[in-house]
Amino acid sequence: MNRSLLAGIAAGSALAASGLTGVAVATTAESSTQQAILWEQTASPIGQSMPAPTSRMPRVNVSDEADYLTHMVAHHQEAVTAARQLQRSSRAEMRTLGASIVRTQSAEIARMKAWLAEWYPGGPPASDYRPIMRDLTKLSGDALDETFLRDMIPHHMMAVMMSQHLLMHGSVSHAEVAAFADRVRDAQHAEMLQMQRYLAGWFGGSGMSCPMWGHPSGVMG
């Protein structure tokens, strides 16, 4: 199993990595922090048969803000679809988490679409985003909560990486997008830590595995 799926993503500010298993963050100078994120991907079946992991890693490098916004709209839409399923969770914490993701990311989708319409009326290239979340519609109880956490933690990591890559290596034309990417990076990293605590407390897992990277079945369309 490849332990280092993505390394060398530079950071503008240090991400608090305490409590996040499988992610190593190396910092250098205070004003020019460099972070290398090492992500170990392991299979973690949870009560149902799952396809074997694939070597295809979803794309996290974005070339410019139009590419970032287009890719992030699709990424957010998948998160909202999955988070709506938490209305059926028996845990109040998970219902609150799901409602927060739906509310926050739905508003962000509307904002990103408005920017794309205003600044790129000809339309940016179609997103090549590949869904990575498993279908939660038939799950309930612990299976629903654990599957959501195990898939959403690396899903959030993708948003952190995409935002970081845009800020450090992409072409940003509007200050609004830079500020937005900064907020997405920090907010989703904080949610990752919260989900990590839920997963460890309820299921004894680290949550850094997502066996569905790029797999054509078992994911949301």
N, C-alpha and C. Protein backbone atom coordinates (compact mmCIF):
# COMPACT_ATOMS: atom_id res chain seq x y z
N MET A 1 0.85 -1.20 0.00
CA MET A 1 0.00 0.00 0.00
C MET A 1 0.88 1.24 0.00
N ASN A 2 0.64 2.16 -0.85
CA ASN A 2 1.44 3.36 -0.96
C ASN A 2 1.15 4.31 0.19
N ARG A 3 2.18 4.60 1.01
CA ARG A 3 1.96 5.44 2.18
C ARG A 3 1.91 6.91 1.83
N SER A 4 2.56 7.29 0.76
CA SER A 4 2.60 8.72 0.45
C SER A 4 1.86 8.98 -0.84
N LEU A 5 0.59 9.38 -0.72
CA LEU A 5 -0.22 9.64 -1.89
C LEU A 5 -0.02 11.05 -2.42
N LEU A 6 0.31 11.95 -1.54
CA LEU A 6 0.53 13.32 -1.99
C LEU A 6 1.44 14.01 -0.99
N ALA A 7 2.56 14.56 -1.50
CA ALA A 7 3.49 15.25 -0.61
C ALA A 7 3.94 16.53 -1.26
N GLY A 8 4.46 17.41 -0.45
CA GLY A 8 5.02 18.65 -0.97
C GLY A 8 4.02 19.74 -1.23
N ILE A 9 2.84 19.68 -0.62
CA ILE A 9 1.87 20.77 -0.76
C ILE A 9 2.24 21.85 0.24
N ALA A 10 2.60 23.02 -0.25
CA ALA A 10 3.05 24.10 0.64
C ALA A 10 1.87 24.79 1.28
N ALA A 11 2.07 25.31 2.49
CA ALA A 11 1.00 25.98 3.22
C ALA A 11 1.34 27.43 3.47
N GLY A 12 0.34 28.27 3.45
CA GLY A 12 0.53 29.68 3.79
C GLY A 12 0.48 29.88 5.29
N SER A 13 -0.24 29.00 6.00
CA SER A 13 -0.29 29.04 7.46
C SER A 13 -0.35 27.63 7.97
N ALA A 14 0.16 27.40 9.16
CA ALA A 14 0.26 26.05 9.69
C ALA A 14 -1.10 25.51 10.03
N LEU A 15 -1.39 24.26 9.60
CA LEU A 15 -2.64 23.59 9.97
C LEU A 15 -2.39 22.82 11.26
N ALA A 16 -3.30 22.98 12.22
CA ALA A 16 -3.15 22.26 13.48
C ALA A 16 -3.41 20.80 13.24
N ALA A 17 -2.37 19.99 13.29
CA ALA A 17 -2.50 18.59 12.92
C ALA A 17 -2.60 17.66 14.11
N SER A 18 -2.64 18.17 15.32
CA SER A 18 -2.72 17.31 16.49
C SER A 18 -4.00 16.50 16.46
N GLY A 19 -3.87 15.19 16.70
CA GLY A 19 -5.04 14.32 16.74
C GLY A 19 -5.45 13.80 15.39
N LEU A 20 -4.74 14.14 14.32
CA LEU A 20 -5.13 13.70 12.98
C LEU A 20 -4.20 12.59 12.55
N THR A 21 -4.59 11.34 12.73
CA THR A 21 -3.75 10.20 12.43
C THR A 21 -3.51 10.11 10.93
N GLY A 22 -2.25 9.81 10.56
CA GLY A 22 -1.94 9.59 9.16
C GLY A 22 -1.55 10.84 8.42
N VAL A 23 -1.57 12.00 9.05
CA VAL A 23 -1.20 13.23 8.35
C VAL A 23 -0.01 13.83 9.05
N ALA A 24 1.10 13.97 8.34
CA ALA A 24 2.29 14.57 8.94
C ALA A 24 2.46 15.94 8.36
N VAL A 25 2.63 16.94 9.24
CA VAL A 25 2.78 18.31 8.77
C VAL A 25 4.14 18.83 9.22
N ALA A 26 4.96 19.24 8.27
CA ALA A 26 6.28 19.76 8.59
C ALA A 26 6.28 21.25 8.33
N THR A 27 6.67 22.03 9.34
CA THR A 27 6.68 23.47 9.19
C THR A 27 8.10 23.99 9.18
N THR A 28 8.34 25.09 8.50
CA THR A 28 9.65 25.71 8.46
C THR A 28 9.53 27.07 9.09
N ALA A 29 9.69 28.15 8.32
CA ALA A 29 9.63 29.49 8.89
C ALA A 29 8.21 29.89 9.19
N GLU A 30 8.03 30.86 10.14
CA GLU A 30 6.71 31.29 10.56
C GLU A 30 5.93 31.90 9.41
N SER A 31 6.59 32.72 8.59
CA SER A 31 5.88 33.42 7.52
C SER A 31 5.87 32.67 6.21
N SER A 32 6.64 31.60 6.10
CA SER A 32 6.67 30.83 4.85
C SER A 32 6.65 29.35 5.17
N THR A 33 5.52 28.93 5.75
CA THR A 33 5.38 27.54 6.21
C THR A 33 5.33 26.58 5.04
N GLN A 34 6.03 25.48 5.16
CA GLN A 34 5.99 24.42 4.17
C GLN A 34 5.41 23.18 4.82
N GLN A 35 4.36 22.61 4.21
CA GLN A 35 3.72 21.43 4.80
C GLN A 35 3.77 20.28 3.81
N ALA A 36 4.16 19.14 4.26
CA ALA A 36 4.13 17.93 3.45
C ALA A 36 3.13 16.99 4.08
N ILE A 37 2.06 16.70 3.38
CA ILE A 37 0.99 15.87 3.92
C ILE A 37 1.15 14.44 3.41
N LEU A 38 1.36 13.52 4.32
CA LEU A 38 1.53 12.12 3.96
C LEU A 38 0.27 11.38 4.38
N TRP A 39 -0.33 10.72 3.41
CA TRP A 39 -1.64 10.11 3.65
C TRP A 39 -1.56 8.62 3.42
N GLU A 40 -1.77 7.86 4.44
CA GLU A 40 -1.76 6.41 4.30
C GLU A 40 -3.17 5.93 4.02
N GLN A 41 -3.29 5.18 2.93
CA GLN A 41 -4.61 4.70 2.51
C GLN A 41 -4.72 3.21 2.81
N THR A 42 -5.65 2.83 3.66
CA THR A 42 -5.84 1.42 4.00
C THR A 42 -7.29 1.05 3.84
N ALA A 43 -7.52 -0.21 3.56
CA ALA A 43 -8.90 -0.69 3.42
C ALA A 43 -9.53 -0.81 4.80
N SER A 44 -10.82 -0.46 4.89
CA SER A 44 -11.50 -0.55 6.19
C SER A 44 -12.94 -0.96 5.98
N PRO A 45 -13.20 -2.25 5.74
CA PRO A 45 -14.56 -2.69 5.54
C PRO A 45 -15.41 -2.47 6.79
N ILE A 46 -16.66 -2.09 6.59
CA ILE A 46 -17.54 -1.83 7.72
C ILE A 46 -18.85 -2.56 7.54
N GLY A 47 -18.78 -3.85 7.62
CA GLY A 47 -19.99 -4.64 7.66
C GLY A 47 -20.58 -5.00 6.32
N GLN A 48 -19.94 -4.55 5.21
CA GLN A 48 -20.47 -4.92 3.91
C GLN A 48 -19.33 -5.04 2.92
N SER A 49 -19.56 -5.85 1.90
CA SER A 49 -18.52 -6.08 0.91
C SER A 49 -18.21 -4.81 0.16
N MET A 50 -16.91 -4.53 -0.02
CA MET A 50 -16.51 -3.33 -0.73
C MET A 50 -15.46 -3.69 -1.76
N PRO A 51 -15.41 -2.95 -2.87
CA PRO A 51 -14.37 -3.20 -3.87
C PRO A 51 -12.99 -2.91 -3.29
N ALA A 52 -11.98 -3.53 -3.87
CA ALA A 52 -10.62 -3.28 -3.42
C ALA A 52 -10.21 -1.86 -3.78
N PRO A 53 -9.28 -1.28 -3.01
CA PRO A 53 -8.82 0.07 -3.32
C PRO A 53 -8.18 0.12 -4.70
N THR A 54 -8.24 1.26 -5.32
CA THR A 54 -7.57 1.45 -6.59
C THR A 54 -6.45 2.44 -6.40
N SER A 55 -5.55 2.50 -7.37
CA SER A 55 -4.40 3.39 -7.26
C SER A 55 -4.70 4.79 -7.77
N ARG A 56 -5.87 5.00 -8.34
CA ARG A 56 -6.20 6.31 -8.89
C ARG A 56 -6.55 7.29 -7.78
N MET A 57 -5.79 8.37 -7.68
CA MET A 57 -6.04 9.40 -6.68
C MET A 57 -6.81 10.53 -7.33
N PRO A 58 -7.90 10.97 -6.75
CA PRO A 58 -8.63 12.11 -7.31
C PRO A 58 -7.71 13.31 -7.46
N ARG A 59 -7.94 14.08 -8.50
CA ARG A 59 -7.09 15.23 -8.78
C ARG A 59 -7.29 16.31 -7.72
N VAL A 60 -6.18 16.79 -7.18
CA VAL A 60 -6.25 17.86 -6.19
C VAL A 60 -5.47 19.09 -6.62
N ASN A 61 -4.68 18.99 -7.70
CA ASN A 61 -3.97 20.16 -8.18
C ASN A 61 -4.88 20.95 -9.12
N VAL A 62 -4.98 22.25 -8.89
CA VAL A 62 -5.82 23.12 -9.71
C VAL A 62 -4.94 24.21 -10.30
N SER A 63 -5.18 24.54 -11.56
CA SER A 63 -4.29 25.45 -12.27
C SER A 63 -4.64 26.92 -12.04
N ASP A 64 -5.94 27.21 -11.91
CA ASP A 64 -6.36 28.59 -11.75
C ASP A 64 -7.69 28.63 -11.01
N GLU A 65 -8.21 29.82 -10.77
CA GLU A 65 -9.42 29.93 -9.96
C GLU A 65 -10.65 29.36 -10.65
N ALA A 66 -10.73 29.46 -11.98
CA ALA A 66 -11.87 28.87 -12.67
C ALA A 66 -11.87 27.36 -12.52
N ASP A 67 -10.70 26.76 -12.64
CA ASP A 67 -10.56 25.31 -12.45
C ASP A 67 -10.92 24.94 -11.02
N TYR A 68 -10.44 25.72 -10.06
CA TYR A 68 -10.72 25.47 -8.65
C TYR A 68 -12.22 25.56 -8.36
N LEU A 69 -12.86 26.63 -8.82
CA LEU A 69 -14.28 26.82 -8.54
C LEU A 69 -15.12 25.73 -9.18
N THR A 70 -14.82 25.37 -10.42
CA THR A 70 -15.58 24.33 -11.10
C THR A 70 -15.44 22.99 -10.38
N HIS A 71 -14.21 22.66 -9.99
CA HIS A 71 -13.97 21.39 -9.32
C HIS A 71 -14.59 21.39 -7.92
N MET A 72 -14.50 22.54 -7.24
CA MET A 72 -15.01 22.61 -5.87
C MET A 72 -16.54 22.59 -5.82
N VAL A 73 -17.20 23.11 -6.84
CA VAL A 73 -18.66 23.02 -6.90
C VAL A 73 -19.09 21.55 -6.90
N ALA A 74 -18.47 20.75 -7.77
CA ALA A 74 -18.80 19.33 -7.83
C ALA A 74 -18.45 18.62 -6.52
N HIS A 75 -17.33 18.98 -5.95
CA HIS A 75 -16.90 18.39 -4.68
C HIS A 75 -17.89 18.71 -3.56
N HIS A 76 -18.31 19.97 -3.47
CA HIS A 76 -19.29 20.38 -2.47
C HIS A 76 -20.64 19.70 -2.69
N GLN A 77 -21.05 19.57 -3.94
CA GLN A 77 -22.34 18.96 -4.22
C GLN A 77 -22.39 17.52 -3.73
N GLU A 78 -21.28 16.80 -3.89
CA GLU A 78 -21.24 15.44 -3.39
C GLU A 78 -21.34 15.41 -1.86
N ALA A 79 -20.66 16.35 -1.19
CA ALA A 79 -20.72 16.42 0.26
C ALA A 79 -22.13 16.72 0.75
N VAL A 80 -22.81 17.63 0.09
CA VAL A 80 -24.18 17.98 0.49
C VAL A 80 -25.10 16.77 0.33
N THR A 81 -24.96 16.06 -0.78
CA THR A 81 -25.79 14.86 -1.00
C THR A 81 -25.58 13.84 0.11
N ALA A 82 -24.33 13.62 0.48
CA ALA A 82 -24.04 12.66 1.54
C ALA A 82 -24.52 13.16 2.91
N ALA A 83 -24.29 14.43 3.20
CA ALA A 83 -24.64 14.98 4.52
C ALA A 83 -26.14 14.96 4.76
N ARG A 84 -26.94 15.09 3.71
CA ARG A 84 -28.40 15.04 3.89
C ARG A 84 -28.85 13.71 4.46
N GLN A 85 -28.10 12.65 4.22
CA GLN A 85 -28.48 11.34 4.74
C GLN A 85 -28.37 11.26 6.26
N LEU A 86 -27.62 12.18 6.86
CA LEU A 86 -27.45 12.15 8.31
C LEU A 86 -28.70 12.59 9.06
N GLN A 87 -29.71 13.07 8.36
CA GLN A 87 -30.98 13.35 9.02
C GLN A 87 -31.55 12.09 9.65
N ARG A 88 -31.13 10.93 9.14
CA ARG A 88 -31.63 9.64 9.64
C ARG A 88 -30.76 9.08 10.77
N SER A 89 -29.67 9.77 11.12
CA SER A 89 -28.77 9.27 12.16
C SER A 89 -29.46 9.30 13.53
N SER A 90 -29.12 8.33 14.36
CA SER A 90 -29.66 8.30 15.73
C SER A 90 -28.85 9.18 16.67
N ARG A 91 -27.71 9.71 16.20
CA ARG A 91 -26.84 10.54 17.02
C ARG A 91 -27.10 12.02 16.73
N ALA A 92 -27.38 12.77 17.79
CA ALA A 92 -27.64 14.20 17.61
C ALA A 92 -26.42 14.92 17.03
N GLU A 93 -25.22 14.47 17.42
CA GLU A 93 -24.00 15.10 16.91
C GLU A 93 -23.89 14.95 15.40
N MET A 94 -24.27 13.79 14.89
CA MET A 94 -24.18 13.56 13.45
C MET A 94 -25.26 14.34 12.70
N ARG A 95 -26.45 14.42 13.28
CA ARG A 95 -27.49 15.22 12.63
C ARG A 95 -27.08 16.69 12.56
N THR A 96 -26.46 17.18 13.65
CA THR A 96 -25.99 18.56 13.67
C THR A 96 -24.88 18.78 12.66
N LEU A 97 -23.94 17.83 12.59
CA LEU A 97 -22.86 17.91 11.61
C LEU A 97 -23.40 17.93 10.19
N GLY A 98 -24.33 17.02 9.89
CA GLY A 98 -24.90 16.96 8.55
C GLY A 98 -25.61 18.25 8.17
N ALA A 99 -26.40 18.79 9.10
CA ALA A 99 -27.12 20.03 8.82
C ALA A 99 -26.15 21.19 8.58
N SER A 100 -25.05 21.21 9.33
CA SER A 100 -24.06 22.27 9.16
C SER A 100 -23.38 22.18 7.79
N ILE A 101 -23.03 20.97 7.37
CA ILE A 101 -22.39 20.79 6.07
C ILE A 101 -23.35 21.19 4.96
N VAL A 102 -24.60 20.76 5.05
CA VAL A 102 -25.60 21.11 4.02
C VAL A 102 -25.78 22.62 3.93
N ARG A 103 -25.94 23.26 5.08
CA ARG A 103 -26.17 24.71 5.10
C ARG A 103 -24.95 25.48 4.57
N THR A 104 -23.79 25.17 5.10
CA THR A 104 -22.58 25.91 4.73
C THR A 104 -22.18 25.68 3.28
N GLN A 105 -22.15 24.42 2.88
CA GLN A 105 -21.65 24.13 1.54
C GLN A 105 -22.68 24.46 0.45
N SER A 106 -23.97 24.42 0.77
CA SER A 106 -24.97 24.86 -0.21
C SER A 106 -24.81 26.34 -0.50
N ALA A 107 -24.57 27.14 0.56
CA ALA A 107 -24.34 28.57 0.36
C ALA A 107 -23.06 28.81 -0.43
N GLU A 108 -22.03 28.02 -0.17
CA GLU A 108 -20.77 28.17 -0.90
C GLU A 108 -20.91 27.77 -2.36
N ILE A 109 -21.72 26.75 -2.63
CA ILE A 109 -21.98 26.36 -4.02
C ILE A 109 -22.62 27.52 -4.78
N ALA A 110 -23.63 28.15 -4.16
CA ALA A 110 -24.31 29.29 -4.81
C ALA A 110 -23.33 30.43 -5.07
N ARG A 111 -22.44 30.69 -4.10
CA ARG A 111 -21.47 31.77 -4.27
C ARG A 111 -20.49 31.45 -5.40
N MET A 112 -20.00 30.22 -5.45
CA MET A 112 -19.05 29.83 -6.50
C MET A 112 -19.69 29.87 -7.88
N LYS A 113 -20.93 29.41 -7.97
CA LYS A 113 -21.62 29.45 -9.26
C LYS A 113 -21.84 30.89 -9.72
N ALA A 114 -22.12 31.79 -8.78
CA ALA A 114 -22.30 33.20 -9.14
C ALA A 114 -21.00 33.79 -9.64
N TRP A 115 -19.88 33.46 -9.02
CA TRP A 115 -18.59 33.94 -9.48
C TRP A 115 -18.27 33.41 -10.88
N LEU A 116 -18.54 32.12 -11.08
CA LEU A 116 -18.28 31.54 -12.40
C LEU A 116 -19.11 32.22 -13.48
N ALA A 117 -20.38 32.49 -13.18
CA ALA A 117 -21.26 33.14 -14.16
C ALA A 117 -20.81 34.57 -14.45
N GLU A 118 -20.33 35.26 -13.41
CA GLU A 118 -19.93 36.66 -13.57
C GLU A 118 -18.58 36.80 -14.25
N TRP A 119 -17.61 36.01 -13.85
CA TRP A 119 -16.25 36.19 -14.31
C TRP A 119 -15.88 35.30 -15.50
N TYR A 120 -16.61 34.20 -15.69
CA TYR A 120 -16.28 33.27 -16.77
C TYR A 120 -17.57 32.90 -17.51
N PRO A 121 -18.21 33.89 -18.12
CA PRO A 121 -19.52 33.64 -18.76
C PRO A 121 -19.45 32.64 -19.90
N GLY A 122 -18.28 32.50 -20.51
CA GLY A 122 -18.15 31.52 -21.58
C GLY A 122 -18.12 30.11 -21.05
N GLY A 123 -17.94 29.98 -19.75
CA GLY A 123 -17.93 28.67 -19.13
C GLY A 123 -16.54 28.09 -19.06
N PRO A 124 -16.06 27.71 -17.88
CA PRO A 124 -14.77 27.03 -17.75
C PRO A 124 -14.87 25.60 -18.27
N PRO A 125 -13.74 24.92 -18.43
CA PRO A 125 -13.80 23.52 -18.87
C PRO A 125 -14.64 22.68 -17.91
N ALA A 126 -15.29 21.67 -18.46
CA ALA A 126 -16.11 20.80 -17.63
C ALA A 126 -15.25 20.13 -16.56
N SER A 127 -15.81 19.98 -15.39
CA SER A 127 -15.06 19.36 -14.30
C SER A 127 -14.87 17.87 -14.57
N ASP A 128 -13.65 17.39 -14.24
CA ASP A 128 -13.39 15.96 -14.37
C ASP A 128 -13.48 15.28 -13.00
N TYR A 129 -14.23 15.90 -12.11
CA TYR A 129 -14.35 15.37 -10.75
C TYR A 129 -14.96 13.98 -10.75
N ARG A 130 -14.35 13.09 -9.98
CA ARG A 130 -14.85 11.72 -9.84
C ARG A 130 -15.38 11.53 -8.42
N PRO A 131 -16.64 11.16 -8.25
CA PRO A 131 -17.20 10.97 -6.91
C PRO A 131 -16.41 9.94 -6.11
N ILE A 132 -16.31 10.16 -4.81
CA ILE A 132 -15.56 9.23 -3.96
C ILE A 132 -16.37 8.73 -2.77
N MET A 133 -17.54 9.34 -2.51
CA MET A 133 -18.35 8.91 -1.38
C MET A 133 -19.18 7.67 -1.75
N ARG A 134 -19.31 6.77 -0.80
CA ARG A 134 -20.17 5.62 -1.02
C ARG A 134 -21.64 6.01 -0.91
N ASP A 135 -22.50 5.19 -1.48
CA ASP A 135 -23.95 5.43 -1.43
C ASP A 135 -24.43 5.12 -0.01
N LEU A 136 -25.00 6.13 0.64
CA LEU A 136 -25.44 5.98 2.03
C LEU A 136 -26.93 5.73 2.17
N THR A 137 -27.65 5.71 1.07
CA THR A 137 -29.11 5.69 1.13
C THR A 137 -29.68 4.44 1.77
N LYS A 138 -28.97 3.32 1.70
CA LYS A 138 -29.48 2.06 2.26
C LYS A 138 -28.90 1.76 3.64
N LEU A 139 -28.10 2.69 4.18
CA LEU A 139 -27.47 2.46 5.48
C LEU A 139 -28.24 3.16 6.59
N SER A 140 -28.10 2.63 7.80
CA SER A 140 -28.73 3.25 8.96
C SER A 140 -27.90 2.91 10.19
N GLY A 141 -28.23 3.55 11.31
CA GLY A 141 -27.55 3.25 12.56
C GLY A 141 -26.05 3.49 12.49
N ASP A 142 -25.29 2.60 13.16
CA ASP A 142 -23.84 2.73 13.19
C ASP A 142 -23.21 2.66 11.80
N ALA A 143 -23.78 1.82 10.93
CA ALA A 143 -23.22 1.68 9.58
C ALA A 143 -23.27 3.01 8.83
N LEU A 144 -24.37 3.75 8.97
CA LEU A 144 -24.49 5.05 8.32
C LEU A 144 -23.45 6.02 8.87
N ASP A 145 -23.38 6.12 10.19
CA ASP A 145 -22.48 7.09 10.80
C ASP A 145 -21.02 6.78 10.50
N GLU A 146 -20.64 5.51 10.63
CA GLU A 146 -19.23 5.15 10.42
C GLU A 146 -18.82 5.31 8.97
N THR A 147 -19.70 4.88 8.05
CA THR A 147 -19.37 5.02 6.64
C THR A 147 -19.22 6.48 6.25
N PHE A 148 -20.14 7.31 6.74
CA PHE A 148 -20.04 8.74 6.46
C PHE A 148 -18.72 9.31 6.95
N LEU A 149 -18.35 9.02 8.20
CA LEU A 149 -17.13 9.57 8.77
C LEU A 149 -15.89 9.08 8.03
N ARG A 150 -15.86 7.79 7.73
CA ARG A 150 -14.68 7.24 7.05
C ARG A 150 -14.51 7.81 5.65
N ASP A 151 -15.61 8.14 4.99
CA ASP A 151 -15.52 8.70 3.64
C ASP A 151 -15.37 10.21 3.65
N MET A 152 -16.03 10.89 4.60
CA MET A 152 -16.03 12.35 4.58
C MET A 152 -14.71 12.94 5.08
N ILE A 153 -14.00 12.24 5.93
CA ILE A 153 -12.71 12.77 6.39
C ILE A 153 -11.73 12.92 5.22
N PRO A 154 -11.47 11.89 4.41
CA PRO A 154 -10.60 12.09 3.25
C PRO A 154 -11.23 13.00 2.20
N HIS A 155 -12.57 13.04 2.15
CA HIS A 155 -13.24 13.96 1.23
C HIS A 155 -12.91 15.40 1.62
N HIS A 156 -12.96 15.71 2.90
CA HIS A 156 -12.57 17.04 3.37
C HIS A 156 -11.08 17.29 3.10
N MET A 157 -10.26 16.25 3.25
CA MET A 157 -8.84 16.42 2.98
C MET A 157 -8.60 16.86 1.54
N MET A 158 -9.41 16.35 0.61
CA MET A 158 -9.29 16.78 -0.78
C MET A 158 -9.53 18.28 -0.91
N ALA A 159 -10.55 18.79 -0.22
CA ALA A 159 -10.85 20.22 -0.28
C ALA A 159 -9.71 21.04 0.32
N VAL A 160 -9.13 20.55 1.41
CA VAL A 160 -7.99 21.23 2.03
C VAL A 160 -6.83 21.29 1.03
N MET A 161 -6.55 20.16 0.39
CA MET A 161 -5.43 20.10 -0.55
C MET A 161 -5.67 20.98 -1.78
N MET A 162 -6.89 20.92 -2.33
CA MET A 162 -7.19 21.76 -3.50
C MET A 162 -7.05 23.24 -3.16
N SER A 163 -7.58 23.63 -2.01
CA SER A 163 -7.51 25.03 -1.61
C SER A 163 -6.07 25.46 -1.39
N GLN A 164 -5.30 24.59 -0.74
CA GLN A 164 -3.90 24.90 -0.48
C GLN A 164 -3.12 25.02 -1.79
N HIS A 165 -3.39 24.11 -2.72
CA HIS A 165 -2.67 24.12 -3.99
C HIS A 165 -2.98 25.40 -4.77
N LEU A 166 -4.24 25.82 -4.76
CA LEU A 166 -4.59 27.06 -5.45
C LEU A 166 -3.85 28.24 -4.84
N LEU A 167 -3.84 28.32 -3.51
CA LEU A 167 -3.23 29.46 -2.83
C LEU A 167 -1.72 29.53 -3.06
N MET A 168 -1.07 28.37 -3.15
CA MET A 168 0.38 28.36 -3.25
C MET A 168 0.90 28.22 -4.67
N HIS A 169 0.14 27.56 -5.53
CA HIS A 169 0.68 27.25 -6.86
C HIS A 169 -0.24 27.65 -8.01
N GLY A 170 -1.47 28.01 -7.74
CA GLY A 170 -2.41 28.33 -8.81
C GLY A 170 -2.42 29.80 -9.16
N SER A 171 -3.16 30.11 -10.21
CA SER A 171 -3.32 31.50 -10.65
C SER A 171 -4.65 32.03 -10.13
N VAL A 172 -4.58 33.01 -9.22
CA VAL A 172 -5.78 33.58 -8.62
C VAL A 172 -5.95 35.01 -9.12
N SER A 173 -7.09 35.32 -9.73
CA SER A 173 -7.34 36.63 -10.31
C SER A 173 -8.16 37.54 -9.41
N HIS A 174 -8.86 36.96 -8.44
CA HIS A 174 -9.74 37.75 -7.60
C HIS A 174 -9.45 37.47 -6.12
N ALA A 175 -9.36 38.54 -5.34
CA ALA A 175 -9.07 38.41 -3.92
C ALA A 175 -10.16 37.62 -3.21
N GLU A 176 -11.39 37.73 -3.71
CA GLU A 176 -12.50 37.00 -3.08
C GLU A 176 -12.26 35.49 -3.10
N VAL A 177 -11.70 35.00 -4.20
CA VAL A 177 -11.46 33.56 -4.32
C VAL A 177 -10.33 33.12 -3.40
N ALA A 178 -9.29 33.94 -3.29
CA ALA A 178 -8.20 33.62 -2.38
C ALA A 178 -8.71 33.54 -0.94
N ALA A 179 -9.53 34.51 -0.54
CA ALA A 179 -10.09 34.50 0.82
C ALA A 179 -11.01 33.30 1.01
N PHE A 180 -11.78 32.96 -0.01
CA PHE A 180 -12.69 31.82 0.06
C PHE A 180 -11.90 30.53 0.23
N ALA A 181 -10.85 30.33 -0.57
CA ALA A 181 -10.04 29.12 -0.48
C ALA A 181 -9.40 29.00 0.89
N ASP A 182 -8.97 30.12 1.44
CA ASP A 182 -8.37 30.13 2.77
C ASP A 182 -9.39 29.67 3.82
N ARG A 183 -10.63 30.16 3.71
CA ARG A 183 -11.67 29.78 4.67
C ARG A 183 -12.05 28.31 4.52
N VAL A 184 -12.17 27.84 3.29
CA VAL A 184 -12.50 26.44 3.06
C VAL A 184 -11.43 25.53 3.66
N ARG A 185 -10.18 25.87 3.40
CA ARG A 185 -9.07 25.07 3.93
C ARG A 185 -9.16 24.95 5.45
N ASP A 186 -9.30 26.08 6.12
CA ASP A 186 -9.27 26.07 7.58
C ASP A 186 -10.54 25.46 8.18
N ALA A 187 -11.70 25.78 7.60
CA ALA A 187 -12.96 25.26 8.14
C ALA A 187 -13.06 23.75 7.97
N GLN A 188 -12.68 23.26 6.80
CA GLN A 188 -12.80 21.82 6.57
C GLN A 188 -11.74 21.05 7.34
N HIS A 189 -10.58 21.66 7.57
CA HIS A 189 -9.59 21.00 8.41
C HIS A 189 -10.12 20.86 9.83
N ALA A 190 -10.77 21.91 10.35
CA ALA A 190 -11.34 21.84 11.69
C ALA A 190 -12.42 20.77 11.77
N GLU A 191 -13.27 20.68 10.74
CA GLU A 191 -14.30 19.64 10.73
C GLU A 191 -13.69 18.25 10.65
N MET A 192 -12.58 18.12 9.92
CA MET A 192 -11.89 16.83 9.88
C MET A 192 -11.49 16.38 11.27
N LEU A 193 -10.94 17.29 12.06
CA LEU A 193 -10.51 16.94 13.42
C LEU A 193 -11.70 16.52 14.28
N GLN A 194 -12.84 17.22 14.11
CA GLN A 194 -14.04 16.85 14.87
C GLN A 194 -14.53 15.46 14.46
N MET A 195 -14.56 15.20 13.16
CA MET A 195 -15.00 13.89 12.69
C MET A 195 -14.04 12.80 13.14
N GLN A 196 -12.75 13.13 13.18
CA GLN A 196 -11.75 12.19 13.67
C GLN A 196 -12.04 11.80 15.11
N ARG A 197 -12.41 12.77 15.92
CA ARG A 197 -12.73 12.48 17.31
C ARG A 197 -13.98 11.61 17.42
N TYR A 198 -15.00 11.90 16.61
CA TYR A 198 -16.20 11.06 16.61
C TYR A 198 -15.85 9.62 16.24
N LEU A 199 -15.08 9.46 15.19
CA LEU A 199 -14.75 8.12 14.70
C LEU A 199 -13.97 7.34 15.75
N ALA A 200 -13.00 8.01 16.36
CA ALA A 200 -12.19 7.34 17.39
C ALA A 200 -13.03 7.00 18.61
N GLY A 201 -13.90 7.92 19.02
CA GLY A 201 -14.70 7.71 20.22
C GLY A 201 -15.76 6.64 20.06
N TRP A 202 -16.39 6.59 18.89
CA TRP A 202 -17.51 5.67 18.69
C TRP A 202 -17.10 4.34 18.06
N PHE A 203 -16.09 4.39 17.18
CA PHE A 203 -15.76 3.19 16.39
C PHE A 203 -14.30 2.78 16.49
N GLY A 204 -13.50 3.55 17.21
CA GLY A 204 -12.10 3.19 17.39
C GLY A 204 -11.28 3.23 16.13
N GLY A 205 -11.65 4.12 15.20
CA GLY A 205 -10.93 4.19 13.93
C GLY A 205 -10.21 5.50 13.75
N SER A 206 -9.23 5.50 12.83
CA SER A 206 -8.47 6.72 12.54
C SER A 206 -9.12 7.55 11.46
N GLY A 207 -9.86 6.91 10.55
CA GLY A 207 -10.64 7.64 9.56
C GLY A 207 -9.89 8.19 8.39
N MET A 208 -8.63 7.81 8.19
CA MET A 208 -7.90 8.34 7.05
C MET A 208 -7.92 7.41 5.86
N SER A 209 -8.84 6.48 5.83
CA SER A 209 -8.92 5.57 4.69
C SER A 209 -10.15 5.87 3.87
N CYS A 210 -10.02 5.75 2.59
CA CYS A 210 -11.16 5.87 1.69
C CYS A 210 -10.94 4.92 0.54
N PRO A 211 -11.46 3.69 0.62
CA PRO A 211 -11.16 2.67 -0.37
C PRO A 211 -11.83 2.90 -1.71
N MET A 212 -12.56 4.00 -1.87
CA MET A 212 -13.34 4.18 -3.08
C MET A 212 -12.71 5.14 -4.08
N TRP A 213 -11.43 5.53 -3.87
CA TRP A 213 -10.82 6.50 -4.78
C TRP A 213 -10.97 6.05 -6.23
N GLY A 214 -11.74 6.79 -6.98
CA GLY A 214 -11.82 6.56 -8.41
C GLY A 214 -12.50 5.27 -8.81
N HIS A 215 -13.15 4.58 -7.89
CA HIS A 215 -13.77 3.31 -8.24
C HIS A 215 -15.11 3.56 -8.91
N PRO A 216 -15.38 2.85 -10.02
CA PRO A 216 -16.60 3.14 -10.78
C PRO A 216 -17.89 2.68 -10.13
N SER A 217 -17.82 1.87 -9.08
CA SER A 217 -19.05 1.40 -8.45
C SER A 217 -19.03 1.72 -6.98
N GLY A 218 -20.21 1.76 -6.38
CA GLY A 218 -20.31 1.98 -4.96
C GLY A 218 -20.16 3.42 -4.54
N VAL A 219 -20.23 4.34 -5.49
CA VAL A 219 -20.08 5.74 -5.16
C VAL A 219 -21.30 6.51 -5.65
N MET A 220 -21.43 7.69 -5.14
CA MET A 220 -22.56 8.53 -5.57
C MET A 220 -22.32 9.08 -6.97
N GLY A 221 -23.35 9.17 -7.73
CA GLY A 221 -23.23 9.73 -9.06
C GLY A 221 -23.48 11.20 -9.02
